[in-house]
Amino acid sequence: MPKSSSPMNRRRFVTLVALSGAAALTAPLSGAAAPAPRAAVRPSAGRRQLTPAMRREIASQEKSLAEQLEAIRGFKLPPGSPMAFVFTPLRARRRV
């Protein structure tokens, strides 16, 4: 496409966008644009089954996390209380 010395005007730009959108909707999908068939999901060979002790530990950690989140969410701050922290970026040091 040859380069023009003047920028494209708005009307021509909008027309090109509308035409390209219409062309994309009416054109049949090529093989490259079609979604690839999904591969069957197989369990990985290196993954072990969870033992009963591991299941208990995971359940214990999930329960502990739920209790911690409940405590954090249940804590009420008075209106106008100071922020916990303020992020202030540091200036980069100059290399010598």
N, C-alpha and C. Protein backbone atom coordinates (compact mmCIF):
# COMPACT_ATOMS: atom_id res chain seq x y z
N MET A 1 0.85 -1.17 0.00
CA MET A 1 0.00 0.00 0.00
C MET A 1 0.90 1.23 0.00
N PRO A 2 0.68 2.14 -0.91
CA PRO A 2 1.53 3.34 -0.96
C PRO A 2 1.25 4.25 0.22
N LYS A 3 2.30 4.88 0.69
CA LYS A 3 2.14 5.83 1.80
C LYS A 3 1.67 7.15 1.26
N SER A 4 0.68 7.71 1.91
CA SER A 4 0.22 9.03 1.51
C SER A 4 0.84 10.07 2.42
N SER A 5 0.97 11.25 1.92
CA SER A 5 1.60 12.30 2.71
C SER A 5 0.63 12.89 3.73
N SER A 6 -0.68 12.77 3.48
CA SER A 6 -1.64 13.31 4.43
C SER A 6 -2.28 12.17 5.23
N PRO A 7 -2.63 12.43 6.49
CA PRO A 7 -3.24 11.39 7.31
C PRO A 7 -4.65 11.07 6.79
N MET A 8 -5.13 9.87 7.11
CA MET A 8 -6.45 9.43 6.68
C MET A 8 -7.51 10.22 7.44
N ASN A 9 -8.54 10.64 6.73
CA ASN A 9 -9.58 11.39 7.43
C ASN A 9 -10.49 10.42 8.18
N ARG A 10 -11.26 10.95 9.08
CA ARG A 10 -12.08 10.15 9.97
C ARG A 10 -13.14 9.37 9.22
N ARG A 11 -13.78 9.96 8.25
CA ARG A 11 -14.85 9.30 7.51
C ARG A 11 -14.32 8.06 6.79
N ARG A 12 -13.17 8.18 6.17
CA ARG A 12 -12.58 7.04 5.46
C ARG A 12 -12.18 5.95 6.45
N PHE A 13 -11.65 6.32 7.59
CA PHE A 13 -11.26 5.34 8.60
C PHE A 13 -12.47 4.56 9.10
N VAL A 14 -13.55 5.25 9.43
CA VAL A 14 -14.75 4.59 9.94
C VAL A 14 -15.33 3.67 8.86
N THR A 15 -15.29 4.10 7.61
CA THR A 15 -15.79 3.26 6.52
C THR A 15 -14.96 1.98 6.40
N LEU A 16 -13.64 2.10 6.48
CA LEU A 16 -12.78 0.92 6.41
C LEU A 16 -13.02 -0.03 7.58
N VAL A 17 -13.21 0.50 8.76
CA VAL A 17 -13.47 -0.34 9.93
C VAL A 17 -14.79 -1.08 9.75
N ALA A 18 -15.82 -0.38 9.29
CA ALA A 18 -17.12 -1.01 9.09
C ALA A 18 -17.05 -2.09 8.01
N LEU A 19 -16.36 -1.83 6.92
CA LEU A 19 -16.24 -2.81 5.86
C LEU A 19 -15.44 -4.04 6.29
N SER A 20 -14.38 -3.82 7.06
CA SER A 20 -13.58 -4.96 7.50
C SER A 20 -14.37 -5.81 8.50
N GLY A 21 -15.17 -5.18 9.34
CA GLY A 21 -16.01 -5.93 10.27
C GLY A 21 -17.06 -6.74 9.54
N ALA A 22 -17.67 -6.15 8.51
CA ALA A 22 -18.67 -6.88 7.73
C ALA A 22 -18.02 -8.03 6.98
N ALA A 23 -16.83 -7.81 6.45
CA ALA A 23 -16.14 -8.87 5.73
C ALA A 23 -15.77 -10.02 6.66
N ALA A 24 -15.38 -9.70 7.86
CA ALA A 24 -15.03 -10.73 8.82
C ALA A 24 -16.25 -11.56 9.21
N LEU A 25 -17.41 -10.94 9.30
CA LEU A 25 -18.63 -11.66 9.68
C LEU A 25 -19.14 -12.54 8.55
N THR A 26 -19.01 -12.10 7.32
CA THR A 26 -19.58 -12.84 6.21
C THR A 26 -18.62 -13.88 5.63
N ALA A 27 -17.33 -13.76 5.87
CA ALA A 27 -16.37 -14.71 5.31
C ALA A 27 -16.44 -16.02 6.07
N PRO A 28 -16.36 -17.16 5.35
CA PRO A 28 -16.35 -18.44 6.05
C PRO A 28 -15.03 -18.60 6.81
N LEU A 29 -15.08 -19.36 7.88
CA LEU A 29 -13.87 -19.58 8.67
C LEU A 29 -12.92 -20.48 7.92
N SER A 30 -11.68 -20.08 7.89
CA SER A 30 -10.67 -20.93 7.26
C SER A 30 -10.25 -22.00 8.26
N GLY A 31 -9.51 -22.97 7.80
CA GLY A 31 -9.04 -24.03 8.68
C GLY A 31 -8.11 -23.50 9.75
N ALA A 32 -7.38 -22.44 9.44
CA ALA A 32 -6.46 -21.88 10.42
C ALA A 32 -7.21 -21.19 11.56
N ALA A 33 -8.36 -20.61 11.25
CA ALA A 33 -9.11 -19.89 12.27
C ALA A 33 -10.04 -20.80 13.06
N ALA A 34 -10.30 -22.01 12.57
CA ALA A 34 -11.19 -22.93 13.26
C ALA A 34 -10.52 -23.44 14.54
N PRO A 35 -11.29 -23.67 15.59
CA PRO A 35 -10.68 -24.16 16.83
C PRO A 35 -10.15 -25.57 16.64
N ALA A 36 -9.05 -25.85 17.29
CA ALA A 36 -8.42 -27.17 17.22
C ALA A 36 -9.23 -28.15 18.05
N PRO A 37 -9.27 -29.41 17.67
CA PRO A 37 -9.99 -30.39 18.48
C PRO A 37 -9.31 -30.56 19.83
N ARG A 38 -10.12 -30.76 20.84
CA ARG A 38 -9.57 -30.89 22.19
C ARG A 38 -9.00 -32.28 22.39
N ALA A 39 -7.86 -32.32 23.02
CA ALA A 39 -7.22 -33.60 23.31
C ALA A 39 -7.86 -34.19 24.56
N ALA A 40 -7.89 -35.48 24.64
CA ALA A 40 -8.45 -36.14 25.81
C ALA A 40 -7.55 -35.84 27.01
N VAL A 41 -8.18 -35.53 28.13
CA VAL A 41 -7.43 -35.21 29.34
C VAL A 41 -7.07 -36.52 30.03
N ARG A 42 -5.77 -36.73 30.15
CA ARG A 42 -5.28 -37.94 30.82
C ARG A 42 -4.56 -37.53 32.09
N PRO A 43 -4.70 -38.31 33.14
CA PRO A 43 -3.95 -37.98 34.35
C PRO A 43 -2.46 -38.14 34.09
N SER A 44 -1.69 -37.23 34.66
CA SER A 44 -0.25 -37.30 34.43
C SER A 44 0.33 -38.52 35.14
N ALA A 45 1.33 -39.10 34.53
CA ALA A 45 1.92 -40.32 35.06
C ALA A 45 2.67 -40.08 36.36
N GLY A 46 3.19 -38.86 36.56
CA GLY A 46 4.00 -38.57 37.74
C GLY A 46 3.18 -38.18 38.96
N ARG A 47 1.89 -38.08 38.84
CA ARG A 47 1.06 -37.62 39.96
C ARG A 47 0.55 -38.81 40.78
N ARG A 48 0.76 -38.74 42.09
CA ARG A 48 0.32 -39.82 42.97
C ARG A 48 -1.09 -39.55 43.47
N GLN A 49 -1.74 -40.60 43.88
CA GLN A 49 -3.04 -40.47 44.53
C GLN A 49 -2.83 -39.89 45.93
N LEU A 50 -3.81 -39.12 46.40
CA LEU A 50 -3.71 -38.55 47.75
C LEU A 50 -3.98 -39.62 48.79
N THR A 51 -3.15 -39.65 49.80
CA THR A 51 -3.34 -40.59 50.90
C THR A 51 -4.36 -39.99 51.86
N PRO A 52 -4.95 -40.81 52.74
CA PRO A 52 -5.89 -40.27 53.72
C PRO A 52 -5.27 -39.19 54.61
N ALA A 53 -3.99 -39.34 54.94
CA ALA A 53 -3.32 -38.33 55.78
C ALA A 53 -3.20 -37.01 55.02
N MET A 54 -2.90 -37.09 53.72
CA MET A 54 -2.79 -35.87 52.92
C MET A 54 -4.16 -35.19 52.80
N ARG A 55 -5.20 -35.99 52.63
CA ARG A 55 -6.56 -35.42 52.54
C ARG A 55 -6.94 -34.71 53.85
N ARG A 56 -6.58 -35.33 54.99
CA ARG A 56 -6.88 -34.71 56.28
C ARG A 56 -6.13 -33.39 56.44
N GLU A 57 -4.86 -33.36 56.03
CA GLU A 57 -4.06 -32.14 56.14
C GLU A 57 -4.61 -31.04 55.25
N ILE A 58 -5.01 -31.37 54.04
CA ILE A 58 -5.59 -30.37 53.13
C ILE A 58 -6.88 -29.83 53.72
N ALA A 59 -7.72 -30.71 54.27
CA ALA A 59 -8.97 -30.27 54.89
C ALA A 59 -8.68 -29.37 56.09
N SER A 60 -7.66 -29.71 56.86
CA SER A 60 -7.29 -28.90 58.02
C SER A 60 -6.82 -27.52 57.59
N GLN A 61 -6.00 -27.45 56.54
CA GLN A 61 -5.52 -26.17 56.06
C GLN A 61 -6.65 -25.32 55.48
N GLU A 62 -7.58 -25.95 54.77
CA GLU A 62 -8.72 -25.22 54.22
C GLU A 62 -9.58 -24.63 55.35
N LYS A 63 -9.78 -25.41 56.41
CA LYS A 63 -10.57 -24.94 57.55
C LYS A 63 -9.87 -23.77 58.24
N SER A 64 -8.54 -23.89 58.42
CA SER A 64 -7.77 -22.83 59.05
C SER A 64 -7.82 -21.55 58.22
N LEU A 65 -7.68 -21.68 56.92
CA LEU A 65 -7.75 -20.51 56.03
C LEU A 65 -9.12 -19.86 56.09
N ALA A 66 -10.18 -20.66 56.11
CA ALA A 66 -11.53 -20.11 56.19
C ALA A 66 -11.73 -19.34 57.49
N GLU A 67 -11.20 -19.86 58.60
CA GLU A 67 -11.31 -19.16 59.89
C GLU A 67 -10.54 -17.84 59.87
N GLN A 68 -9.35 -17.85 59.27
CA GLN A 68 -8.55 -16.62 59.20
C GLN A 68 -9.25 -15.56 58.35
N LEU A 69 -9.79 -15.98 57.20
CA LEU A 69 -10.50 -15.02 56.35
C LEU A 69 -11.74 -14.47 57.03
N GLU A 70 -12.44 -15.31 57.78
CA GLU A 70 -13.63 -14.86 58.50
C GLU A 70 -13.24 -13.81 59.55
N ALA A 71 -12.12 -14.03 60.25
CA ALA A 71 -11.66 -13.08 61.26
C ALA A 71 -11.26 -11.75 60.62
N ILE A 72 -10.57 -11.82 59.48
CA ILE A 72 -10.14 -10.60 58.80
C ILE A 72 -11.35 -9.82 58.28
N ARG A 73 -12.28 -10.53 57.66
CA ARG A 73 -13.45 -9.86 57.09
C ARG A 73 -14.39 -9.34 58.17
N GLY A 74 -14.39 -9.98 59.34
CA GLY A 74 -15.28 -9.56 60.41
C GLY A 74 -14.74 -8.38 61.24
N PHE A 75 -13.48 -8.01 61.05
CA PHE A 75 -12.89 -6.92 61.81
C PHE A 75 -13.41 -5.59 61.29
N LYS A 76 -14.04 -4.84 62.15
CA LYS A 76 -14.62 -3.54 61.75
C LYS A 76 -13.67 -2.41 62.13
N LEU A 77 -13.36 -1.58 61.17
CA LEU A 77 -12.53 -0.41 61.42
C LEU A 77 -13.43 0.80 61.66
N PRO A 78 -13.06 1.66 62.61
CA PRO A 78 -13.86 2.87 62.82
C PRO A 78 -13.69 3.81 61.63
N PRO A 79 -14.71 4.61 61.34
CA PRO A 79 -14.58 5.55 60.22
C PRO A 79 -13.44 6.53 60.45
N GLY A 80 -12.69 6.79 59.41
CA GLY A 80 -11.58 7.74 59.50
C GLY A 80 -10.32 7.17 60.09
N SER A 81 -10.26 5.86 60.26
CA SER A 81 -9.04 5.28 60.83
C SER A 81 -7.91 5.36 59.81
N PRO A 82 -6.66 5.42 60.29
CA PRO A 82 -5.53 5.54 59.37
C PRO A 82 -5.37 4.28 58.53
N MET A 83 -4.78 4.45 57.37
CA MET A 83 -4.53 3.32 56.49
C MET A 83 -3.44 2.45 57.09
N ALA A 84 -3.46 1.16 56.74
CA ALA A 84 -2.46 0.24 57.27
C ALA A 84 -1.08 0.57 56.72
N PHE A 85 -1.00 0.92 55.45
CA PHE A 85 0.27 1.29 54.85
C PHE A 85 -0.01 2.17 53.65
N VAL A 86 0.99 2.89 53.24
CA VAL A 86 0.91 3.73 52.05
C VAL A 86 2.10 3.37 51.17
N PHE A 87 1.85 3.05 49.93
CA PHE A 87 2.91 2.71 49.00
C PHE A 87 3.51 3.99 48.45
N THR A 88 4.80 4.15 48.63
CA THR A 88 5.50 5.29 48.05
C THR A 88 6.68 4.75 47.27
N PRO A 89 6.67 4.93 45.96
CA PRO A 89 7.77 4.40 45.16
C PRO A 89 9.06 5.15 45.43
N LEU A 90 10.16 4.44 45.36
CA LEU A 90 11.47 5.04 45.57
C LEU A 90 12.04 5.45 44.22
N ARG A 91 12.82 6.50 44.23
CA ARG A 91 13.48 6.92 43.00
C ARG A 91 14.62 5.96 42.70
N ALA A 92 14.84 5.72 41.43
CA ALA A 92 15.92 4.84 41.03
C ALA A 92 17.26 5.50 41.33
N ARG A 93 18.20 4.70 41.81
CA ARG A 93 19.53 5.23 42.07
C ARG A 93 20.26 5.40 40.76
N ARG A 94 21.03 6.47 40.67
CA ARG A 94 21.81 6.73 39.46
C ARG A 94 23.04 5.87 39.47
N ARG A 95 23.33 5.28 38.33
CA ARG A 95 24.56 4.50 38.20
C ARG A 95 25.71 5.46 37.95
N VAL A 96 26.82 5.16 38.56
CA VAL A 96 28.00 6.03 38.41
C VAL A 96 28.96 5.46 37.40
